[in-house]
Amino acid sequence: MKNVELSIPDMQSAHCQSRVNNAINAIAGVKIERLEAGKLAVSVESDEIKEEMVAVIEKAGYKVEGNDNGKTSTCSTGCCD
């Protein structure tokens, strides 16, 4: 397993953290080590799983720092603006 730390600046509230947690829990080969405001630490089995995880987080509406594709938070509650 490879340790990966990601910066997710828009993931500040418990609601946002829950959305990211639920999104990545569906991916086999990912173990969440730490999830806190703006940061995620996980263990992944491969680089392909890391890429899938980043894509899932971005699909949930959060920008992953270092993986800039122009997306911004689309949190429907407005908690992450």
PDB file of N, CA and C in Angstrom:
ATOM      1  N   MET A   1       0.846  -1.187   0.000  1.00  0.00           N
ATOM      2  CA  MET A   1       0.000   0.000   0.000  1.00  0.00           C
ATOM      3  C   MET A   1       0.890   1.249   0.000  1.00  0.00           C
ATOM      4  N   LYS A   2       0.421   2.246  -0.690  1.00  0.00           N
ATOM      5  CA  LYS A   2       1.139   3.499  -0.820  1.00  0.00           C
ATOM      6  C   LYS A   2       0.363   4.586  -0.085  1.00  0.00           C
ATOM      7  N   ASN A   3       1.043   5.357   0.759  1.00  0.00           N
ATOM      8  CA  ASN A   3       0.394   6.456   1.475  1.00  0.00           C
ATOM      9  C   ASN A   3       0.301   7.675   0.575  1.00  0.00           C
ATOM     10  N   VAL A   4      -0.884   8.279   0.560  1.00  0.00           N
ATOM     11  CA  VAL A   4      -1.141   9.447  -0.273  1.00  0.00           C
ATOM     12  C   VAL A   4      -1.840  10.498   0.584  1.00  0.00           C
ATOM     13  N   GLU A   5      -1.382  11.736   0.485  1.00  0.00           N
ATOM     14  CA  GLU A   5      -2.050  12.860   1.140  1.00  0.00           C
ATOM     15  C   GLU A   5      -2.508  13.821   0.071  1.00  0.00           C
ATOM     16  N   LEU A   6      -3.788  14.202   0.161  1.00  0.00           N
ATOM     17  CA  LEU A   6      -4.365  15.125  -0.809  1.00  0.00           C
ATOM     18  C   LEU A   6      -4.874  16.371  -0.100  1.00  0.00           C
ATOM     19  N   SER A   7      -4.735  17.492  -0.763  1.00  0.00           N
ATOM     20  CA  SER A   7      -5.305  18.738  -0.277  1.00  0.00           C
ATOM     21  C   SER A   7      -6.598  18.980  -1.042  1.00  0.00           C
ATOM     22  N   ILE A   8      -7.689  19.131  -0.294  1.00  0.00           N
ATOM     23  CA  ILE A   8      -9.004  19.390  -0.885  1.00  0.00           C
ATOM     24  C   ILE A   8      -9.534  20.652  -0.210  1.00  0.00           C
ATOM     25  N   PRO A   9      -9.122  21.829  -0.700  1.00  0.00           N
ATOM     26  CA  PRO A   9      -9.403  23.086  -0.009  1.00  0.00           C
ATOM     27  C   PRO A   9     -10.888  23.341   0.286  1.00  0.00           C
ATOM     28  N   ASP A  10     -11.789  22.938  -0.583  1.00  0.00           N
ATOM     29  CA  ASP A  10     -13.209  23.214  -0.394  1.00  0.00           C
ATOM     30  C   ASP A  10     -13.880  22.282   0.605  1.00  0.00           C
ATOM     31  N   MET A  11     -13.208  21.246   1.055  1.00  0.00           N
ATOM     32  CA  MET A  11     -13.790  20.269   1.971  1.00  0.00           C
ATOM     33  C   MET A  11     -13.543  20.741   3.407  1.00  0.00           C
ATOM     34  N   GLN A  12     -14.368  21.650   3.890  1.00  0.00           N
ATOM     35  CA  GLN A  12     -14.155  22.226   5.206  1.00  0.00           C
ATOM     36  C   GLN A  12     -15.165  21.740   6.249  1.00  0.00           C
ATOM     37  N   SER A  13     -16.419  21.637   5.890  1.00  0.00           N
ATOM     38  CA  SER A  13     -17.452  21.267   6.861  1.00  0.00           C
ATOM     39  C   SER A  13     -17.581  19.759   7.010  1.00  0.00           C
ATOM     40  N   ALA A  14     -18.270  19.343   8.066  1.00  0.00           N
ATOM     41  CA  ALA A  14     -18.532  17.911   8.283  1.00  0.00           C
ATOM     42  C   ALA A  14     -19.349  17.348   7.124  1.00  0.00           C
ATOM     43  N   HIS A  15     -20.250  18.136   6.585  1.00  0.00           N
ATOM     44  CA  HIS A  15     -21.063  17.706   5.444  1.00  0.00           C
ATOM     45  C   HIS A  15     -20.174  17.390   4.243  1.00  0.00           C
ATOM     46  N   CYS A  16     -19.240  18.270   3.951  1.00  0.00           N
ATOM     47  CA  CYS A  16     -18.334  18.066   2.817  1.00  0.00           C
ATOM     48  C   CYS A  16     -17.427  16.858   3.049  1.00  0.00           C
ATOM     49  N   GLN A  17     -16.937  16.717   4.267  1.00  0.00           N
ATOM     50  CA  GLN A  17     -16.092  15.574   4.591  1.00  0.00           C
ATOM     51  C   GLN A  17     -16.863  14.270   4.425  1.00  0.00           C
ATOM     52  N   SER A  18     -18.123  14.279   4.808  1.00  0.00           N
ATOM     53  CA  SER A  18     -18.968  13.096   4.657  1.00  0.00           C
ATOM     54  C   SER A  18     -19.171  12.749   3.184  1.00  0.00           C
ATOM     55  N   ARG A  19     -19.384  13.760   2.347  1.00  0.00           N
ATOM     56  CA  ARG A  19     -19.557  13.527   0.904  1.00  0.00           C
ATOM     57  C   ARG A  19     -18.314  12.883   0.308  1.00  0.00           C
ATOM     58  N   VAL A  20     -17.138  13.386   0.660  1.00  0.00           N
ATOM     59  CA  VAL A  20     -15.889  12.832   0.139  1.00  0.00           C
ATOM     60  C   VAL A  20     -15.682  11.424   0.685  1.00  0.00           C
ATOM     61  N   ASN A  21     -15.930  11.231   1.958  1.00  0.00           N
ATOM     62  CA  ASN A  21     -15.792   9.913   2.582  1.00  0.00           C
ATOM     63  C   ASN A  21     -16.673   8.895   1.867  1.00  0.00           C
ATOM     64  N   ASN A  22     -17.929   9.225   1.650  1.00  0.00           N
ATOM     65  CA  ASN A  22     -18.852   8.308   0.972  1.00  0.00           C
ATOM     66  C   ASN A  22     -18.405   8.016  -0.454  1.00  0.00           C
ATOM     67  N   ALA A  23     -17.886   9.018  -1.138  1.00  0.00           N
ATOM     68  CA  ALA A  23     -17.455   8.841  -2.529  1.00  0.00           C
ATOM     69  C   ALA A  23     -16.274   7.877  -2.627  1.00  0.00           C
ATOM     70  N   ILE A  24     -15.296   8.025  -1.739  1.00  0.00           N
ATOM     71  CA  ILE A  24     -14.111   7.179  -1.870  1.00  0.00           C
ATOM     72  C   ILE A  24     -14.262   5.822  -1.193  1.00  0.00           C
ATOM     73  N   ASN A  25     -15.218   5.695  -0.289  1.00  0.00           N
ATOM     74  CA  ASN A  25     -15.453   4.386   0.330  1.00  0.00           C
ATOM     75  C   ASN A  25     -15.935   3.354  -0.676  1.00  0.00           C
ATOM     76  N   ALA A  26     -16.474   3.803  -1.796  1.00  0.00           N
ATOM     77  CA  ALA A  26     -16.964   2.896  -2.825  1.00  0.00           C
ATOM     78  C   ALA A  26     -15.842   2.321  -3.694  1.00  0.00           C
ATOM     79  N   ILE A  27     -14.617   2.785  -3.495  1.00  0.00           N
ATOM     80  CA  ILE A  27     -13.491   2.343  -4.318  1.00  0.00           C
ATOM     81  C   ILE A  27     -12.721   1.246  -3.580  1.00  0.00           C
ATOM     82  N   ALA A  28     -12.620   0.099  -4.206  1.00  0.00           N
ATOM     83  CA  ALA A  28     -11.821  -0.990  -3.636  1.00  0.00           C
ATOM     84  C   ALA A  28     -10.345  -0.618  -3.711  1.00  0.00           C
ATOM     85  N   GLY A  29      -9.592  -0.951  -2.683  1.00  0.00           N
ATOM     86  CA  GLY A  29      -8.158  -0.688  -2.688  1.00  0.00           C
ATOM     87  C   GLY A  29      -7.773   0.632  -2.053  1.00  0.00           C
ATOM     88  N   VAL A  30      -8.732   1.305  -1.388  1.00  0.00           N
ATOM     89  CA  VAL A  30      -8.460   2.568  -0.711  1.00  0.00           C
ATOM     90  C   VAL A  30      -8.791   2.407   0.764  1.00  0.00           C
ATOM     91  N   LYS A  31      -7.858   2.811   1.623  1.00  0.00           N
ATOM     92  CA  LYS A  31      -8.103   2.802   3.064  1.00  0.00           C
ATOM     93  C   LYS A  31      -7.896   4.218   3.574  1.00  0.00           C
ATOM     94  N   ILE A  32      -8.936   4.804   4.168  1.00  0.00           N
ATOM     95  CA  ILE A  32      -8.836   6.157   4.709  1.00  0.00           C
ATOM     96  C   ILE A  32      -8.052   6.114   6.014  1.00  0.00           C
ATOM     97  N   GLU A  33      -6.987   6.892   6.062  1.00  0.00           N
ATOM     98  CA  GLU A  33      -6.177   6.995   7.270  1.00  0.00           C
ATOM     99  C   GLU A  33      -6.612   8.189   8.110  1.00  0.00           C
ATOM    100  N   ARG A  34      -6.864   9.333   7.431  1.00  0.00           N
ATOM    101  CA  ARG A  34      -7.257  10.553   8.135  1.00  0.00           C
ATOM    102  C   ARG A  34      -8.063  11.427   7.185  1.00  0.00           C
ATOM    103  N   LEU A  35      -9.180  11.940   7.676  1.00  0.00           N
ATOM    104  CA  LEU A  35     -10.038  12.834   6.901  1.00  0.00           C
ATOM    105  C   LEU A  35     -10.363  14.011   7.797  1.00  0.00           C
ATOM    106  N   GLU A  36      -9.913  15.186   7.401  1.00  0.00           N
ATOM    107  CA  GLU A  36     -10.155  16.391   8.197  1.00  0.00           C
ATOM    108  C   GLU A  36     -10.344  17.564   7.257  1.00  0.00           C
ATOM    109  N   ALA A  37     -10.695  18.696   7.799  1.00  0.00           N
ATOM    110  CA  ALA A  37     -10.965  19.880   6.983  1.00  0.00           C
ATOM    111  C   ALA A  37      -9.814  20.154   6.022  1.00  0.00           C
ATOM    112  N   GLY A  38     -10.107  20.059   4.743  1.00  0.00           N
ATOM    113  CA  GLY A  38      -9.143  20.388   3.708  1.00  0.00           C
ATOM    114  C   GLY A  38      -8.085  19.350   3.400  1.00  0.00           C
ATOM    115  N   LYS A  39      -8.057  18.245   4.146  1.00  0.00           N
ATOM    116  CA  LYS A  39      -6.995  17.256   3.950  1.00  0.00           C
ATOM    117  C   LYS A  39      -7.542  15.837   4.015  1.00  0.00           C
ATOM    118  N   LEU A  40      -6.942  14.987   3.212  1.00  0.00           N
ATOM    119  CA  LEU A  40      -7.296  13.576   3.180  1.00  0.00           C
ATOM    120  C   LEU A  40      -6.008  12.767   3.099  1.00  0.00           C
ATOM    121  N   ALA A  41      -5.858  11.800   3.990  1.00  0.00           N
ATOM    122  CA  ALA A  41      -4.717  10.888   3.954  1.00  0.00           C
ATOM    123  C   ALA A  41      -5.277   9.481   3.789  1.00  0.00           C
ATOM    124  N   VAL A  42      -4.785   8.769   2.783  1.00  0.00           N
ATOM    125  CA  VAL A  42      -5.262   7.423   2.486  1.00  0.00           C
ATOM    126  C   VAL A  42      -4.087   6.517   2.156  1.00  0.00           C
ATOM    127  N   SER A  43      -4.361   5.224   2.178  1.00  0.00           N
ATOM    128  CA  SER A  43      -3.441   4.229   1.648  1.00  0.00           C
ATOM    129  C   SER A  43      -4.117   3.649   0.416  1.00  0.00           C
ATOM    130  N   VAL A  44      -3.372   3.565  -0.681  1.00  0.00           N
ATOM    131  CA  VAL A  44      -3.920   3.027  -1.924  1.00  0.00           C
ATOM    132  C   VAL A  44      -3.039   1.888  -2.410  1.00  0.00           C
ATOM    133  N   GLU A  45      -3.645   0.979  -3.146  1.00  0.00           N
ATOM    134  CA  GLU A  45      -2.901  -0.169  -3.651  1.00  0.00           C
ATOM    135  C   GLU A  45      -2.079   0.147  -4.895  1.00  0.00           C
ATOM    136  N   SER A  46      -2.482   1.167  -5.670  1.00  0.00           N
ATOM    137  CA  SER A  46      -1.754   1.482  -6.898  1.00  0.00           C
ATOM    138  C   SER A  46      -2.009   2.922  -7.321  1.00  0.00           C
ATOM    139  N   ASP A  47      -1.189   3.409  -8.266  1.00  0.00           N
ATOM    140  CA  ASP A  47      -1.370   4.754  -8.804  1.00  0.00           C
ATOM    141  C   ASP A  47      -2.682   4.870  -9.570  1.00  0.00           C
ATOM    142  N   GLU A  48      -3.125   3.775 -10.192  1.00  0.00           N
ATOM    143  CA  GLU A  48      -4.393   3.798 -10.924  1.00  0.00           C
ATOM    144  C   GLU A  48      -5.557   4.046  -9.968  1.00  0.00           C
ATOM    145  N   ILE A  49      -5.480   3.465  -8.779  1.00  0.00           N
ATOM    146  CA  ILE A  49      -6.536   3.680  -7.783  1.00  0.00           C
ATOM    147  C   ILE A  49      -6.497   5.121  -7.299  1.00  0.00           C
ATOM    148  N   LYS A  50      -5.297   5.685  -7.159  1.00  0.00           N
ATOM    149  CA  LYS A  50      -5.182   7.090  -6.762  1.00  0.00           C
ATOM    150  C   LYS A  50      -5.852   7.974  -7.810  1.00  0.00           C
ATOM    151  N   GLU A  51      -5.606   7.707  -9.079  1.00  0.00           N
ATOM    152  CA  GLU A  51      -6.221   8.489 -10.148  1.00  0.00           C
ATOM    153  C   GLU A  51      -7.738   8.364 -10.118  1.00  0.00           C
ATOM    154  N   GLU A  52      -8.234   7.144  -9.875  1.00  0.00           N
ATOM    155  CA  GLU A  52      -9.675   6.925  -9.777  1.00  0.00           C
ATOM    156  C   GLU A  52     -10.255   7.696  -8.590  1.00  0.00           C
ATOM    157  N   MET A  53      -9.541   7.691  -7.471  1.00  0.00           N
ATOM    158  CA  MET A  53      -9.996   8.388  -6.277  1.00  0.00           C
ATOM    159  C   MET A  53     -10.084   9.892  -6.531  1.00  0.00           C
ATOM    160  N   VAL A  54      -9.075  10.468  -7.166  1.00  0.00           N
ATOM    161  CA  VAL A  54      -9.091  11.899  -7.484  1.00  0.00           C
ATOM    162  C   VAL A  54     -10.275  12.215  -8.396  1.00  0.00           C
ATOM    163  N   ALA A  55     -10.519  11.365  -9.390  1.00  0.00           N
ATOM    164  CA  ALA A  55     -11.638  11.583 -10.308  1.00  0.00           C
ATOM    165  C   ALA A  55     -12.979  11.542  -9.574  1.00  0.00           C
ATOM    166  N   VAL A  56     -13.127  10.604  -8.635  1.00  0.00           N
ATOM    167  CA  VAL A  56     -14.368  10.481  -7.875  1.00  0.00           C
ATOM    168  C   VAL A  56     -14.571  11.706  -6.980  1.00  0.00           C
ATOM    169  N   ILE A  57     -13.511  12.187  -6.352  1.00  0.00           N
ATOM    170  CA  ILE A  57     -13.604  13.374  -5.495  1.00  0.00           C
ATOM    171  C   ILE A  57     -13.999  14.585  -6.338  1.00  0.00           C
ATOM    172  N   GLU A  58     -13.396  14.723  -7.513  1.00  0.00           N
ATOM    173  CA  GLU A  58     -13.736  15.844  -8.391  1.00  0.00           C
ATOM    174  C   GLU A  58     -15.161  15.724  -8.918  1.00  0.00           C
ATOM    175  N   LYS A  59     -15.601  14.506  -9.190  1.00  0.00           N
ATOM    176  CA  LYS A  59     -16.976  14.293  -9.641  1.00  0.00           C
ATOM    177  C   LYS A  59     -17.971  14.683  -8.544  1.00  0.00           C
ATOM    178  N   ALA A  60     -17.571  14.504  -7.277  1.00  0.00           N
ATOM    179  CA  ALA A  60     -18.422  14.890  -6.149  1.00  0.00           C
ATOM    180  C   ALA A  60     -18.470  16.411  -5.983  1.00  0.00           C
ATOM    181  N   GLY A  61     -17.618  17.130  -6.745  1.00  0.00           N
ATOM    182  CA  GLY A  61     -17.682  18.586  -6.744  1.00  0.00           C
ATOM    183  C   GLY A  61     -16.562  19.299  -6.024  1.00  0.00           C
ATOM    184  N   TYR A  62     -15.463  18.617  -5.749  1.00  0.00           N
ATOM    185  CA  TYR A  62     -14.365  19.215  -5.005  1.00  0.00           C
ATOM    186  C   TYR A  62     -13.083  19.219  -5.826  1.00  0.00           C
ATOM    187  N   LYS A  63     -12.374  20.320  -5.769  1.00  0.00           N
ATOM    188  CA  LYS A  63     -11.090  20.435  -6.450  1.00  0.00           C
ATOM    189  C   LYS A  63     -10.020  19.785  -5.588  1.00  0.00           C
ATOM    190  N   VAL A  64      -9.223  18.941  -6.193  1.00  0.00           N
ATOM    191  CA  VAL A  64      -8.094  18.322  -5.508  1.00  0.00           C
ATOM    192  C   VAL A  64      -6.858  19.107  -5.918  1.00  0.00           C
ATOM    193  N   GLU A  65      -6.202  19.730  -4.949  1.00  0.00           N
ATOM    194  CA  GLU A  65      -5.046  20.566  -5.244  1.00  0.00           C
ATOM    195  C   GLU A  65      -3.948  19.738  -5.890  1.00  0.00           C
ATOM    196  N   GLY A  66      -3.365  20.282  -6.950  1.00  0.00           N
ATOM    197  CA  GLY A  66      -2.343  19.553  -7.691  1.00  0.00           C
ATOM    198  C   GLY A  66      -2.941  18.777  -8.854  1.00  0.00           C
ATOM    199  N   ASN A  67      -4.268  18.720  -8.944  1.00  0.00           N
ATOM    200  CA  ASN A  67      -4.983  18.075 -10.041  1.00  0.00           C
ATOM    201  C   ASN A  67      -5.948  19.085 -10.634  1.00  0.00           C
ATOM    202  N   ASP A  68      -5.439  20.255 -10.961  1.00  0.00           N
ATOM    203  CA  ASP A  68      -6.268  21.378 -11.386  1.00  0.00           C
ATOM    204  C   ASP A  68      -6.911  21.121 -12.740  1.00  0.00           C
ATOM    205  N   ASN A  69      -8.230  21.101 -12.732  1.00  0.00           N
ATOM    206  CA  ASN A  69      -8.963  20.982 -13.992  1.00  0.00           C
ATOM    207  C   ASN A  69      -9.998  22.084 -14.102  1.00  0.00           C
ATOM    208  N   GLY A  70      -9.855  23.131 -13.275  1.00  0.00           N
ATOM    209  CA  GLY A  70     -10.744  24.266 -13.359  1.00  0.00           C
ATOM    210  C   GLY A  70     -12.040  24.115 -12.584  1.00  0.00           C
ATOM    211  N   LYS A  71     -12.256  22.992 -11.923  1.00  0.00           N
ATOM    212  CA  LYS A  71     -13.497  22.797 -11.191  1.00  0.00           C
ATOM    213  C   LYS A  71     -13.445  23.515  -9.854  1.00  0.00           C
ATOM    214  N   THR A  72     -14.597  23.949  -9.412  1.00  0.00           N
ATOM    215  CA  THR A  72     -14.736  24.516  -8.083  1.00  0.00           C
ATOM    216  C   THR A  72     -15.834  23.760  -7.371  1.00  0.00           C
ATOM    217  N   SER A  73     -15.997  24.021  -6.092  1.00  0.00           N
ATOM    218  CA  SER A  73     -16.989  23.309  -5.300  1.00  0.00           C
ATOM    219  C   SER A  73     -18.396  23.563  -5.831  1.00  0.00           C
ATOM    220  N   THR A  74     -19.185  22.507  -5.860  1.00  0.00           N
ATOM    221  CA  THR A  74     -20.587  22.629  -6.255  1.00  0.00           C
ATOM    222  C   THR A  74     -21.478  22.159  -5.122  1.00  0.00           C
ATOM    223  N   CYS A  75     -21.002  22.302  -3.911  1.00  0.00           N
ATOM    224  CA  CYS A  75     -21.742  21.859  -2.745  1.00  0.00           C
ATOM    225  C   CYS A  75     -23.095  22.552  -2.718  1.00  0.00           C
ATOM    226  N   SER A  76     -24.156  21.780  -2.780  1.00  0.00           N
ATOM    227  CA  SER A  76     -25.502  22.340  -2.898  1.00  0.00           C
ATOM    228  C   SER A  76     -25.959  23.087  -1.655  1.00  0.00           C
ATOM    229  N   THR A  77     -25.330  22.834  -0.522  1.00  0.00           N
ATOM    230  CA  THR A  77     -25.736  23.523   0.706  1.00  0.00           C
ATOM    231  C   THR A  77     -25.059  24.865   0.843  1.00  0.00           C
ATOM    232  N   GLY A  78     -24.061  25.134   0.011  1.00  0.00           N
ATOM    233  CA  GLY A  78     -23.340  26.389   0.085  1.00  0.00           C
ATOM    234  C   GLY A  78     -22.320  26.433   1.217  1.00  0.00           C
ATOM    235  N   CYS A  79     -22.065  25.276   1.840  1.00  0.00           N
ATOM    236  CA  CYS A  79     -21.179  25.247   3.006  1.00  0.00           C
ATOM    237  C   CYS A  79     -19.708  25.333   2.611  1.00  0.00           C
ATOM    238  N   CYS A  80     -19.390  25.215   1.357  1.00  0.00           N
ATOM    239  CA  CYS A  80     -17.987  25.089   0.957  1.00  0.00           C
ATOM    240  C   CYS A  80     -17.519  26.212   0.060  1.00  0.00           C
ATOM    241  N   ASP A  81     -18.217  27.288   0.025  1.00  0.00           N
ATOM    242  CA  ASP A  81     -17.818  28.386  -0.858  1.00  0.00           C
ATOM    243  C   ASP A  81     -16.664  29.163  -0.295  1.00  0.00           C
TER     244      ASP A  81
END
